[in-house]
């Protein structure tokens, strides 16, 4: 039985990736194996692998991170920390009953955060 899904995302610059996820998004660095990183925040775990040839502007990597409460507070926190919101990813209510916003990490991965609209 599958119990958990853990995204494996590419990184180009290890320190830039750690800084972004830890200092700006609030994740903790769990493990650094050189070419492989693991970060976590609450019940979410992300793995990263070195991909030197990645061109961030051409990246097709994307993940969706569900937030269970107060997405507005997290959105404001990221803005206060200077995290750039994707030009097409401002906070808005979507027709699929989610409140969402999106950012792009230093490696070109699109991160969409969503909370169910009740």
PDB file of N, CA and C in Angstrom:
ATOM      1  N   UNK A   1       0.851  -1.186   0.000  1.00  0.00           N
ATOM      2  CA  UNK A   1       0.000   0.000   0.000  1.00  0.00           C
ATOM      3  C   UNK A   1       0.892   1.243   0.000  1.00  0.00           C
ATOM      4  N   UNK A   2       0.596   2.176  -0.877  1.00  0.00           N
ATOM      5  CA  UNK A   2       1.346   3.436  -0.930  1.00  0.00           C
ATOM      6  C   UNK A   2       0.863   4.341   0.198  1.00  0.00           C
ATOM      7  N   UNK A   3       1.804   4.890   0.948  1.00  0.00           N
ATOM      8  CA  UNK A   3       1.432   5.759   2.068  1.00  0.00           C
ATOM      9  C   UNK A   3       1.900   7.203   1.900  1.00  0.00           C
ATOM     10  N   UNK A   4       2.939   7.421   1.092  1.00  0.00           N
ATOM     11  CA  UNK A   4       3.491   8.760   0.954  1.00  0.00           C
ATOM     12  C   UNK A   4       4.089   8.933  -0.440  1.00  0.00           C
ATOM     13  N   UNK A   5       3.960  10.138  -0.974  1.00  0.00           N
ATOM     14  CA  UNK A   5       4.627  10.498  -2.221  1.00  0.00           C
ATOM     15  C   UNK A   5       5.631  11.598  -1.891  1.00  0.00           C
ATOM     16  N   UNK A   6       6.869  11.418  -2.342  1.00  0.00           N
ATOM     17  CA  UNK A   6       7.924  12.411  -2.074  1.00  0.00           C
ATOM     18  C   UNK A   6       8.510  12.861  -3.406  1.00  0.00           C
ATOM     19  N   UNK A   7       8.297  14.124  -3.769  1.00  0.00           N
ATOM     20  CA  UNK A   7       8.869  14.623  -5.022  1.00  0.00           C
ATOM     21  C   UNK A   7      10.395  14.640  -4.972  1.00  0.00           C
ATOM     22  N   UNK A   8      10.996  14.330  -6.114  1.00  0.00           N
ATOM     23  CA  UNK A   8      12.441  14.438  -6.290  1.00  0.00           C
ATOM     24  C   UNK A   8      12.653  15.507  -7.353  1.00  0.00           C
ATOM     25  N   UNK A   9      13.263  16.609  -6.944  1.00  0.00           N
ATOM     26  CA  UNK A   9      13.402  17.779  -7.796  1.00  0.00           C
ATOM     27  C   UNK A   9      14.872  18.057  -8.101  1.00  0.00           C
ATOM     28  N   UNK A  10      15.152  18.677  -9.235  1.00  0.00           N
ATOM     29  CA  UNK A  10      16.539  18.968  -9.591  1.00  0.00           C
ATOM     30  C   UNK A  10      17.052  20.236  -8.911  1.00  0.00           C
ATOM     31  N   UNK A  11      18.369  20.272  -8.695  1.00  0.00           N
ATOM     32  CA  UNK A  11      19.006  21.523  -8.280  1.00  0.00           C
ATOM     33  C   UNK A  11      20.291  21.711  -9.080  1.00  0.00           C
ATOM     34  N   UNK A  12      20.649  22.983  -9.262  1.00  0.00           N
ATOM     35  CA  UNK A  12      21.881  23.334  -9.957  1.00  0.00           C
ATOM     36  C   UNK A  12      22.927  23.750  -8.934  1.00  0.00           C
ATOM     37  N   UNK A  13      22.558  24.693  -8.092  1.00  0.00           N
ATOM     38  CA  UNK A  13      23.457  25.233  -7.075  1.00  0.00           C
ATOM     39  C   UNK A  13      22.927  24.820  -5.701  1.00  0.00           C
ATOM     40  N   UNK A  14      23.674  23.979  -5.011  1.00  0.00           N
ATOM     41  CA  UNK A  14      23.221  23.435  -3.732  1.00  0.00           C
ATOM     42  C   UNK A  14      22.948  24.529  -2.698  1.00  0.00           C
ATOM     43  N   UNK A  15      23.875  25.463  -2.508  1.00  0.00           N
ATOM     44  CA  UNK A  15      23.700  26.479  -1.475  1.00  0.00           C
ATOM     45  C   UNK A  15      22.521  27.400  -1.777  1.00  0.00           C
ATOM     46  N   UNK A  16      22.329  27.728  -3.042  1.00  0.00           N
ATOM     47  CA  UNK A  16      21.195  28.573  -3.424  1.00  0.00           C
ATOM     48  C   UNK A  16      19.873  27.846  -3.163  1.00  0.00           C
ATOM     49  N   UNK A  17      19.845  26.560  -3.457  1.00  0.00           N
ATOM     50  CA  UNK A  17      18.639  25.762  -3.224  1.00  0.00           C
ATOM     51  C   UNK A  17      18.351  25.639  -1.732  1.00  0.00           C
ATOM     52  N   UNK A  18      19.376  25.346  -0.942  1.00  0.00           N
ATOM     53  CA  UNK A  18      19.197  25.251   0.515  1.00  0.00           C
ATOM     54  C   UNK A  18      18.717  26.591   1.063  1.00  0.00           C
ATOM     55  N   UNK A  19      19.353  27.676   0.654  1.00  0.00           N
ATOM     56  CA  UNK A  19      18.974  28.999   1.136  1.00  0.00           C
ATOM     57  C   UNK A  19      17.511  29.314   0.816  1.00  0.00           C
ATOM     58  N   UNK A  20      17.095  29.013  -0.404  1.00  0.00           N
ATOM     59  CA  UNK A  20      15.723  29.304  -0.814  1.00  0.00           C
ATOM     60  C   UNK A  20      14.725  28.506   0.018  1.00  0.00           C
ATOM     61  N   UNK A  21      14.905  27.209   0.100  1.00  0.00           N
ATOM     62  CA  UNK A  21      13.932  26.364   0.798  1.00  0.00           C
ATOM     63  C   UNK A  21      13.985  26.535   2.314  1.00  0.00           C
ATOM     64  N   UNK A  22      15.160  26.726   2.878  1.00  0.00           N
ATOM     65  CA  UNK A  22      15.282  26.852   4.331  1.00  0.00           C
ATOM     66  C   UNK A  22      15.012  28.288   4.782  1.00  0.00           C
ATOM     67  N   UNK A  23      15.718  29.263   4.222  1.00  0.00           N
ATOM     68  CA  UNK A  23      15.613  30.642   4.697  1.00  0.00           C
ATOM     69  C   UNK A  23      14.365  31.366   4.221  1.00  0.00           C
ATOM     70  N   UNK A  24      13.858  31.005   3.045  1.00  0.00           N
ATOM     71  CA  UNK A  24      12.700  31.735   2.531  1.00  0.00           C
ATOM     72  C   UNK A  24      11.387  30.970   2.696  1.00  0.00           C
ATOM     73  N   UNK A  25      11.397  29.662   2.465  1.00  0.00           N
ATOM     74  CA  UNK A  25      10.141  28.909   2.553  1.00  0.00           C
ATOM     75  C   UNK A  25       9.916  28.262   3.912  1.00  0.00           C
ATOM     76  N   UNK A  26      10.945  28.219   4.762  1.00  0.00           N
ATOM     77  CA  UNK A  26      10.774  27.711   6.120  1.00  0.00           C
ATOM     78  C   UNK A  26      11.000  26.219   6.301  1.00  0.00           C
ATOM     79  N   UNK A  27      11.558  25.555   5.290  1.00  0.00           N
ATOM     80  CA  UNK A  27      11.865  24.126   5.412  1.00  0.00           C
ATOM     81  C   UNK A  27      13.104  23.938   6.278  1.00  0.00           C
ATOM     82  N   UNK A  28      13.292  22.742   6.800  1.00  0.00           N
ATOM     83  CA  UNK A  28      14.502  22.372   7.540  1.00  0.00           C
ATOM     84  C   UNK A  28      15.343  21.471   6.633  1.00  0.00           C
ATOM     85  N   UNK A  29      16.643  21.634   6.689  1.00  0.00           N
ATOM     86  CA  UNK A  29      17.545  20.748   5.956  1.00  0.00           C
ATOM     87  C   UNK A  29      17.736  19.493   6.786  1.00  0.00           C
ATOM     88  N   UNK A  30      17.258  18.376   6.287  1.00  0.00           N
ATOM     89  CA  UNK A  30      17.370  17.106   7.009  1.00  0.00           C
ATOM     90  C   UNK A  30      18.681  16.405   6.699  1.00  0.00           C
ATOM     91  N   UNK A  31      19.033  16.369   5.408  1.00  0.00           N
ATOM     92  CA  UNK A  31      20.225  15.619   4.989  1.00  0.00           C
ATOM     93  C   UNK A  31      20.880  16.293   3.796  1.00  0.00           C
ATOM     94  N   UNK A  32      22.204  16.281   3.814  1.00  0.00           N
ATOM     95  CA  UNK A  32      23.002  16.789   2.694  1.00  0.00           C
ATOM     96  C   UNK A  32      24.018  15.718   2.352  1.00  0.00           C
ATOM     97  N   UNK A  33      23.778  15.046   1.241  1.00  0.00           N
ATOM     98  CA  UNK A  33      24.671  13.987   0.782  1.00  0.00           C
ATOM     99  C   UNK A  33      25.524  14.458  -0.399  1.00  0.00           C
ATOM    100  N   UNK A  34      25.769  15.753  -0.473  1.00  0.00           N
ATOM    101  CA  UNK A  34      26.562  16.291  -1.567  1.00  0.00           C
ATOM    102  C   UNK A  34      25.718  16.568  -2.794  1.00  0.00           C
ATOM    103  N   UNK A  35      25.457  15.528  -3.579  1.00  0.00           N
ATOM    104  CA  UNK A  35      24.651  15.666  -4.790  1.00  0.00           C
ATOM    105  C   UNK A  35      23.184  15.340  -4.549  1.00  0.00           C
ATOM    106  N   UNK A  36      22.803  15.156  -3.284  1.00  0.00           N
ATOM    107  CA  UNK A  36      21.430  14.796  -2.950  1.00  0.00           C
ATOM    108  C   UNK A  36      21.060  15.468  -1.628  1.00  0.00           C
ATOM    109  N   UNK A  37      19.929  16.155  -1.603  1.00  0.00           N
ATOM    110  CA  UNK A  37      19.465  16.878  -0.415  1.00  0.00           C
ATOM    111  C   UNK A  37      18.072  16.415  -0.028  1.00  0.00           C
ATOM    112  N   UNK A  38      17.764  16.514   1.263  1.00  0.00           N
ATOM    113  CA  UNK A  38      16.417  16.258   1.754  1.00  0.00           C
ATOM    114  C   UNK A  38      16.034  17.402   2.686  1.00  0.00           C
ATOM    115  N   UNK A  39      14.874  18.017   2.409  1.00  0.00           N
ATOM    116  CA  UNK A  39      14.340  19.075   3.268  1.00  0.00           C
ATOM    117  C   UNK A  39      12.938  18.684   3.688  1.00  0.00           C
ATOM    118  N   UNK A  40      12.474  19.271   4.800  1.00  0.00           N
ATOM    119  CA  UNK A  40      11.113  18.971   5.247  1.00  0.00           C
ATOM    120  C   UNK A  40      10.495  20.184   5.924  1.00  0.00           C
ATOM    121  N   UNK A  41       9.180  20.204   5.895  1.00  0.00           N
ATOM    122  CA  UNK A  41       8.379  21.215   6.580  1.00  0.00           C
ATOM    123  C   UNK A  41       7.093  20.527   7.013  1.00  0.00           C
ATOM    124  N   UNK A  42       6.896  20.431   8.317  1.00  0.00           N
ATOM    125  CA  UNK A  42       5.750  19.714   8.884  1.00  0.00           C
ATOM    126  C   UNK A  42       5.731  18.298   8.315  1.00  0.00           C
ATOM    127  N   UNK A  43       4.692  17.905   7.596  1.00  0.00           N
ATOM    128  CA  UNK A  43       4.590  16.542   7.067  1.00  0.00           C
ATOM    129  C   UNK A  43       5.058  16.413   5.626  1.00  0.00           C
ATOM    130  N   UNK A  44       5.680  17.453   5.092  1.00  0.00           N
ATOM    131  CA  UNK A  44       6.119  17.453   3.694  1.00  0.00           C
ATOM    132  C   UNK A  44       7.625  17.236   3.635  1.00  0.00           C
ATOM    133  N   UNK A  45       8.027  16.334   2.766  1.00  0.00           N
ATOM    134  CA  UNK A  45       9.454  16.061   2.545  1.00  0.00           C
ATOM    135  C   UNK A  45       9.737  16.205   1.054  1.00  0.00           C
ATOM    136  N   UNK A  46      10.797  16.922   0.727  1.00  0.00           N
ATOM    137  CA  UNK A  46      11.230  17.088  -0.657  1.00  0.00           C
ATOM    138  C   UNK A  46      12.661  16.593  -0.787  1.00  0.00           C
ATOM    139  N   UNK A  47      12.929  15.888  -1.857  1.00  0.00           N
ATOM    140  CA  UNK A  47      14.286  15.428  -2.158  1.00  0.00           C
ATOM    141  C   UNK A  47      14.783  16.188  -3.379  1.00  0.00           C
ATOM    142  N   UNK A  48      16.080  16.448  -3.417  1.00  0.00           N
ATOM    143  CA  UNK A  48      16.697  17.170  -4.530  1.00  0.00           C
ATOM    144  C   UNK A  48      17.916  16.419  -5.022  1.00  0.00           C
ATOM    145  N   UNK A  49      18.087  16.398  -6.336  1.00  0.00           N
ATOM    146  CA  UNK A  49      19.249  15.761  -6.941  1.00  0.00           C
ATOM    147  C   UNK A  49      19.980  16.768  -7.820  1.00  0.00           C
ATOM    148  N   UNK A  50      21.292  16.662  -7.878  1.00  0.00           N
ATOM    149  CA  UNK A  50      22.110  17.552  -8.692  1.00  0.00           C
ATOM    150  C   UNK A  50      21.827  17.306 -10.166  1.00  0.00           C
ATOM    151  N   UNK A  51      21.568  18.395 -10.897  1.00  0.00           N
ATOM    152  CA  UNK A  51      21.308  18.337 -12.331  1.00  0.00           C
ATOM    153  C   UNK A  51      21.970  19.571 -12.946  1.00  0.00           C
ATOM    154  N   UNK A  52      23.281  19.496 -13.157  1.00  0.00           N
ATOM    155  CA  UNK A  52      24.075  20.650 -13.613  1.00  0.00           C
ATOM    156  C   UNK A  52      23.630  21.193 -14.964  1.00  0.00           C
ATOM    157  N   UNK A  53      23.095  20.319 -15.828  1.00  0.00           N
ATOM    158  CA  UNK A  53      22.717  20.732 -17.173  1.00  0.00           C
ATOM    159  C   UNK A  53      21.341  21.397 -17.243  1.00  0.00           C
ATOM    160  N   UNK A  54      20.632  21.441 -16.123  1.00  0.00           N
ATOM    161  CA  UNK A  54      19.289  22.020 -16.102  1.00  0.00           C
ATOM    162  C   UNK A  54      19.330  23.483 -16.501  1.00  0.00           C
ATOM    163  N   UNK A  55      18.420  23.880 -17.348  1.00  0.00           N
ATOM    164  CA  UNK A  55      18.245  25.287 -17.725  1.00  0.00           C
ATOM    165  C   UNK A  55      16.938  25.735 -17.066  1.00  0.00           C
ATOM    166  N   UNK A  56      17.015  26.537 -15.995  1.00  0.00           N
ATOM    167  CA  UNK A  56      15.803  26.888 -15.236  1.00  0.00           C
ATOM    168  C   UNK A  56      14.669  27.454 -16.092  1.00  0.00           C
ATOM    169  N   UNK A  57      15.002  28.259 -17.090  1.00  0.00           N
ATOM    170  CA  UNK A  57      13.979  28.877 -17.927  1.00  0.00           C
ATOM    171  C   UNK A  57      13.241  27.845 -18.798  1.00  0.00           C
ATOM    172  N   UNK A  58      13.809  26.659 -18.936  1.00  0.00           N
ATOM    173  CA  UNK A  58      13.185  25.614 -19.752  1.00  0.00           C
ATOM    174  C   UNK A  58      12.670  24.448 -18.901  1.00  0.00           C
ATOM    175  N   UNK A  59      12.699  24.607 -17.588  1.00  0.00           N
ATOM    176  CA  UNK A  59      12.285  23.522 -16.696  1.00  0.00           C
ATOM    177  C   UNK A  59      10.787  23.263 -16.790  1.00  0.00           C
ATOM    178  N   UNK A  60      10.429  21.997 -16.804  1.00  0.00           N
ATOM    179  CA  UNK A  60       9.028  21.591 -16.775  1.00  0.00           C
ATOM    180  C   UNK A  60       8.648  20.963 -15.433  1.00  0.00           C
ATOM    181  N   UNK A  61       9.529  21.068 -14.434  1.00  0.00           N
ATOM    182  CA  UNK A  61       9.247  20.486 -13.126  1.00  0.00           C
ATOM    183  C   UNK A  61       8.227  21.342 -12.382  1.00  0.00           C
ATOM    184  N   UNK A  62       7.244  20.670 -11.765  1.00  0.00           N
ATOM    185  CA  UNK A  62       6.189  21.358 -11.013  1.00  0.00           C
ATOM    186  C   UNK A  62       5.749  20.469  -9.863  1.00  0.00           C
ATOM    187  N   UNK A  63       5.393  21.080  -8.740  1.00  0.00           N
ATOM    188  CA  UNK A  63       4.747  20.340  -7.654  1.00  0.00           C
ATOM    189  C   UNK A  63       3.632  21.205  -7.060  1.00  0.00           C
ATOM    190  N   UNK A  64       2.669  20.533  -6.476  1.00  0.00           N
ATOM    191  CA  UNK A  64       1.536  21.187  -5.829  1.00  0.00           C
ATOM    192  C   UNK A  64       1.635  20.887  -4.343  1.00  0.00           C
ATOM    193  N   UNK A  65       1.636  21.935  -3.526  1.00  0.00           N
ATOM    194  CA  UNK A  65       1.748  21.785  -2.076  1.00  0.00           C
ATOM    195  C   UNK A  65       0.447  22.272  -1.436  1.00  0.00           C
ATOM    196  N   UNK A  66      -0.274  21.359  -0.838  1.00  0.00           N
ATOM    197  CA  UNK A  66      -1.554  21.703  -0.227  1.00  0.00           C
ATOM    198  C   UNK A  66      -1.320  22.258   1.180  1.00  0.00           C
ATOM    199  N   UNK A  67      -2.002  23.351   1.469  1.00  0.00           N
ATOM    200  CA  UNK A  67      -1.943  23.994   2.776  1.00  0.00           C
ATOM    201  C   UNK A  67      -3.291  23.777   3.448  1.00  0.00           C
ATOM    202  N   UNK A  68      -3.268  23.339   4.712  1.00  0.00           N
ATOM    203  CA  UNK A  68      -4.536  23.004   5.356  1.00  0.00           C
ATOM    204  C   UNK A  68      -5.214  24.187   6.030  1.00  0.00           C
ATOM    205  N   UNK A  69      -4.463  25.249   6.337  1.00  0.00           N
ATOM    206  CA  UNK A  69      -5.124  26.424   6.912  1.00  0.00           C
ATOM    207  C   UNK A  69      -4.286  27.678   6.721  1.00  0.00           C
ATOM    208  N   UNK A  70      -4.953  28.803   6.574  1.00  0.00           N
ATOM    209  CA  UNK A  70      -4.373  30.137   6.519  1.00  0.00           C
ATOM    210  C   UNK A  70      -3.316  30.319   5.425  1.00  0.00           C
ATOM    211  N   UNK A  71      -3.712  30.009   4.208  1.00  0.00           N
ATOM    212  CA  UNK A  71      -2.819  30.219   3.073  1.00  0.00           C
ATOM    213  C   UNK A  71      -2.460  31.702   2.921  1.00  0.00           C
ATOM    214  N   UNK A  72      -3.384  32.582   3.326  1.00  0.00           N
ATOM    215  CA  UNK A  72      -3.108  34.022   3.227  1.00  0.00           C
ATOM    216  C   UNK A  72      -1.911  34.422   4.091  1.00  0.00           C
ATOM    217  N   UNK A  73      -1.806  33.844   5.286  1.00  0.00           N
ATOM    218  CA  UNK A  73      -0.683  34.162   6.177  1.00  0.00           C
ATOM    219  C   UNK A  73       0.642  33.699   5.567  1.00  0.00           C
ATOM    220  N   UNK A  74       0.648  32.504   4.982  1.00  0.00           N
ATOM    221  CA  UNK A  74       1.874  31.999   4.358  1.00  0.00           C
ATOM    222  C   UNK A  74       2.239  32.846   3.138  1.00  0.00           C
ATOM    223  N   UNK A  75       1.259  33.246   2.371  1.00  0.00           N
ATOM    224  CA  UNK A  75       1.463  34.111   1.206  1.00  0.00           C
ATOM    225  C   UNK A  75       2.103  35.436   1.638  1.00  0.00           C
ATOM    226  N   UNK A  76       1.549  36.055   2.685  1.00  0.00           N
ATOM    227  CA  UNK A  76       2.099  37.321   3.197  1.00  0.00           C
ATOM    228  C   UNK A  76       3.517  37.132   3.726  1.00  0.00           C
ATOM    229  N   UNK A  77       3.756  36.015   4.423  1.00  0.00           N
ATOM    230  CA  UNK A  77       5.089  35.726   4.964  1.00  0.00           C
ATOM    231  C   UNK A  77       6.116  35.653   3.832  1.00  0.00           C
ATOM    232  N   UNK A  78       5.783  34.943   2.766  1.00  0.00           N
ATOM    233  CA  UNK A  78       6.708  34.830   1.643  1.00  0.00           C
ATOM    234  C   UNK A  78       6.948  36.190   0.996  1.00  0.00           C
ATOM    235  N   UNK A  79       5.901  36.979   0.839  1.00  0.00           N
ATOM    236  CA  UNK A  79       6.067  38.320   0.286  1.00  0.00           C
ATOM    237  C   UNK A  79       6.960  39.177   1.184  1.00  0.00           C
ATOM    238  N   UNK A  80       6.760  39.099   2.501  1.00  0.00           N
ATOM    239  CA  UNK A  80       7.586  39.857   3.446  1.00  0.00           C
ATOM    240  C   UNK A  80       9.053  39.452   3.374  1.00  0.00           C
ATOM    241  N   UNK A  81       9.302  38.175   3.036  1.00  0.00           N
ATOM    242  CA  UNK A  81      10.675  37.680   2.904  1.00  0.00           C
ATOM    243  C   UNK A  81      11.273  37.971   1.534  1.00  0.00           C
ATOM    244  N   UNK A  82      10.492  38.592   0.657  1.00  0.00           N
ATOM    245  CA  UNK A  82      10.986  38.950  -0.667  1.00  0.00           C
ATOM    246  C   UNK A  82      10.912  37.842  -1.699  1.00  0.00           C
ATOM    247  N   UNK A  83      10.152  36.784  -1.404  1.00  0.00           N
ATOM    248  CA  UNK A  83       9.976  35.708  -2.381  1.00  0.00           C
ATOM    249  C   UNK A  83       9.085  36.242  -3.500  1.00  0.00           C
ATOM    250  N   UNK A  84       9.555  36.095  -4.733  1.00  0.00           N
ATOM    251  CA  UNK A  84       8.797  36.602  -5.873  1.00  0.00           C
ATOM    252  C   UNK A  84       7.657  35.648  -6.217  1.00  0.00           C
ATOM    253  N   UNK A  85       6.467  36.210  -6.296  1.00  0.00           N
ATOM    254  CA  UNK A  85       5.296  35.452  -6.720  1.00  0.00           C
ATOM    255  C   UNK A  85       5.350  35.358  -8.241  1.00  0.00           C
ATOM    256  N   UNK A  86       5.017  34.195  -8.787  1.00  0.00           N
ATOM    257  CA  UNK A  86       5.018  34.007 -10.241  1.00  0.00           C
ATOM    258  C   UNK A  86       4.122  35.071 -10.875  1.00  0.00           C
ATOM    259  N   UNK A  87       4.530  35.647 -12.008  1.00  0.00           N
ATOM    260  CA  UNK A  87       3.708  36.696 -12.642  1.00  0.00           C
ATOM    261  C   UNK A  87       2.269  36.263 -12.926  1.00  0.00           C
ATOM    262  N   UNK A  88       2.056  34.997 -13.193  1.00  0.00           N
ATOM    263  CA  UNK A  88       0.704  34.485 -13.414  1.00  0.00           C
ATOM    264  C   UNK A  88       0.191  33.699 -12.214  1.00  0.00           C
ATOM    265  N   UNK A  89       0.824  33.878 -11.060  1.00  0.00           N
ATOM    266  CA  UNK A  89       0.497  33.057  -9.903  1.00  0.00           C
ATOM    267  C   UNK A  89       0.061  33.810  -8.672  1.00  0.00           C
ATOM    268  N   UNK A  90      -0.485  35.007  -8.852  1.00  0.00           N
ATOM    269  CA  UNK A  90      -0.993  35.737  -7.689  1.00  0.00           C
ATOM    270  C   UNK A  90      -2.093  34.926  -7.007  1.00  0.00           C
ATOM    271  N   UNK A  91      -2.291  35.176  -5.729  1.00  0.00           N
ATOM    272  CA  UNK A  91      -3.321  34.473  -4.963  1.00  0.00           C
ATOM    273  C   UNK A  91      -4.689  34.709  -5.589  1.00  0.00           C
ATOM    274  N   UNK A  92      -5.398  33.603  -5.858  1.00  0.00           N
ATOM    275  CA  UNK A  92      -6.757  33.731  -6.369  1.00  0.00           C
ATOM    276  C   UNK A  92      -7.542  32.450  -6.122  1.00  0.00           C
ATOM    277  N   UNK A  93      -8.859  32.600  -6.122  1.00  0.00           N
ATOM    278  CA  UNK A  93      -9.747  31.455  -5.995  1.00  0.00           C
ATOM    279  C   UNK A  93      -9.919  30.826  -7.370  1.00  0.00           C
ATOM    280  N   UNK A  94      -9.721  29.521  -7.437  1.00  0.00           N
ATOM    281  CA  UNK A  94      -9.805  28.793  -8.700  1.00  0.00           C
ATOM    282  C   UNK A  94     -11.159  28.100  -8.825  1.00  0.00           C
ATOM    283  N   UNK A  95     -11.600  27.800 -10.053  1.00  0.00           N
ATOM    284  CA  UNK A  95     -12.890  27.136 -10.246  1.00  0.00           C
ATOM    285  C   UNK A  95     -12.955  25.740  -9.621  1.00  0.00           C
ATOM    286  N   UNK A  96     -11.801  25.144  -9.328  1.00  0.00           N
ATOM    287  CA  UNK A  96     -11.779  23.800  -8.724  1.00  0.00           C
ATOM    288  C   UNK A  96     -11.760  23.872  -7.199  1.00  0.00           C
ATOM    289  N   UNK A  97     -12.289  24.987  -6.660  1.00  0.00           N
ATOM    290  CA  UNK A  97     -12.473  25.191  -5.218  1.00  0.00           C
ATOM    291  C   UNK A  97     -11.176  25.167  -4.433  1.00  0.00           C
ATOM    292  N   UNK A  98     -10.157  25.791  -4.997  1.00  0.00           N
ATOM    293  CA  UNK A  98      -8.881  25.954  -4.313  1.00  0.00           C
ATOM    294  C   UNK A  98      -8.485  27.425  -4.361  1.00  0.00           C
ATOM    295  N   UNK A  99      -7.914  27.915  -3.280  1.00  0.00           N
ATOM    296  CA  UNK A  99      -7.270  29.216  -3.258  1.00  0.00           C
ATOM    297  C   UNK A  99      -5.796  28.922  -3.478  1.00  0.00           C
ATOM    298  N   UNK A 100      -5.187  29.529  -4.504  1.00  0.00           N
ATOM    299  CA  UNK A 100      -3.831  29.161  -4.895  1.00  0.00           C
ATOM    300  C   UNK A 100      -2.953  30.362  -5.191  1.00  0.00           C
ATOM    301  N   UNK A 101      -1.638  30.126  -5.068  1.00  0.00           N
ATOM    302  CA  UNK A 101      -0.628  31.038  -5.596  1.00  0.00           C
ATOM    303  C   UNK A 101       0.583  30.204  -5.986  1.00  0.00           C
ATOM    304  N   UNK A 102       1.446  30.787  -6.825  1.00  0.00           N
ATOM    305  CA  UNK A 102       2.601  30.039  -7.323  1.00  0.00           C
ATOM    306  C   UNK A 102       3.874  30.874  -7.267  1.00  0.00           C
ATOM    307  N   UNK A 103       4.988  30.164  -7.078  1.00  0.00           N
ATOM    308  CA  UNK A 103       6.313  30.766  -7.124  1.00  0.00           C
ATOM    309  C   UNK A 103       7.211  29.829  -7.943  1.00  0.00           C
ATOM    310  N   UNK A 104       8.370  30.313  -8.298  1.00  0.00           N
ATOM    311  CA  UNK A 104       9.347  29.478  -9.001  1.00  0.00           C
ATOM    312  C   UNK A 104      10.623  29.463  -8.177  1.00  0.00           C
ATOM    313  N   UNK A 105      11.164  28.263  -7.944  1.00  0.00           N
ATOM    314  CA  UNK A 105      12.398  28.157  -7.172  1.00  0.00           C
ATOM    315  C   UNK A 105      13.595  28.507  -8.052  1.00  0.00           C
ATOM    316  N   UNK A 106      14.799  28.603  -7.486  1.00  0.00           N
ATOM    317  CA  UNK A 106      15.979  29.006  -8.266  1.00  0.00           C
ATOM    318  C   UNK A 106      16.325  28.054  -9.408  1.00  0.00           C
ATOM    319  N   UNK A 107      15.750  26.864  -9.394  1.00  0.00           N
ATOM    320  CA  UNK A 107      16.042  25.869 -10.416  1.00  0.00           C
ATOM    321  C   UNK A 107      14.968  25.802 -11.497  1.00  0.00           C
ATOM    322  N   UNK A 108      13.983  26.691 -11.426  1.00  0.00           N
ATOM    323  CA  UNK A 108      12.926  26.729 -12.421  1.00  0.00           C
ATOM    324  C   UNK A 108      11.735  25.851 -12.111  1.00  0.00           C
ATOM    325  N   UNK A 109      11.694  25.252 -10.924  1.00  0.00           N
ATOM    326  CA  UNK A 109      10.555  24.408 -10.540  1.00  0.00           C
ATOM    327  C   UNK A 109       9.398  25.294 -10.094  1.00  0.00           C
ATOM    328  N   UNK A 110       8.230  25.071 -10.691  1.00  0.00           N
ATOM    329  CA  UNK A 110       7.030  25.800 -10.309  1.00  0.00           C
ATOM    330  C   UNK A 110       6.438  25.156  -9.060  1.00  0.00           C
ATOM    331  N   UNK A 111       6.270  25.948  -8.012  1.00  0.00           N
ATOM    332  CA  UNK A 111       5.663  25.491  -6.759  1.00  0.00           C
ATOM    333  C   UNK A 111       4.313  26.178  -6.636  1.00  0.00           C
ATOM    334  N   UNK A 112       3.236  25.400  -6.664  1.00  0.00           N
ATOM    335  CA  UNK A 112       1.907  25.958  -6.481  1.00  0.00           C
ATOM    336  C   UNK A 112       1.414  25.529  -5.109  1.00  0.00           C
ATOM    337  N   UNK A 113       0.959  26.520  -4.336  1.00  0.00           N
ATOM    338  CA  UNK A 113       0.430  26.284  -2.998  1.00  0.00           C
ATOM    339  C   UNK A 113      -1.079  26.450  -3.073  1.00  0.00           C
ATOM    340  N   UNK A 114      -1.832  25.506  -2.493  1.00  0.00           N
ATOM    341  CA  UNK A 114      -3.276  25.583  -2.560  1.00  0.00           C
ATOM    342  C   UNK A 114      -3.952  25.180  -1.271  1.00  0.00           C
ATOM    343  N   UNK A 115      -5.065  25.830  -1.010  1.00  0.00           N
ATOM    344  CA  UNK A 115      -5.901  25.507   0.147  1.00  0.00           C
ATOM    345  C   UNK A 115      -7.330  25.348  -0.327  1.00  0.00           C
ATOM    346  N   UNK A 116      -7.998  24.346   0.171  1.00  0.00           N
ATOM    347  CA  UNK A 116      -9.391  24.082  -0.193  1.00  0.00           C
ATOM    348  C   UNK A 116     -10.272  25.238   0.273  1.00  0.00           C
ATOM    349  N   UNK A 117     -11.170  25.656  -0.610  1.00  0.00           N
ATOM    350  CA  UNK A 117     -12.159  26.675  -0.256  1.00  0.00           C
ATOM    351  C   UNK A 117     -13.384  25.952   0.272  1.00  0.00           C
ATOM    352  N   UNK A 118     -13.730  26.268   1.481  1.00  0.00           N
ATOM    353  CA  UNK A 118     -14.858  25.563   2.116  1.00  0.00           C
ATOM    354  C   UNK A 118     -16.121  26.366   2.021  1.00  0.00           C
TER     355      UNK A 118
END
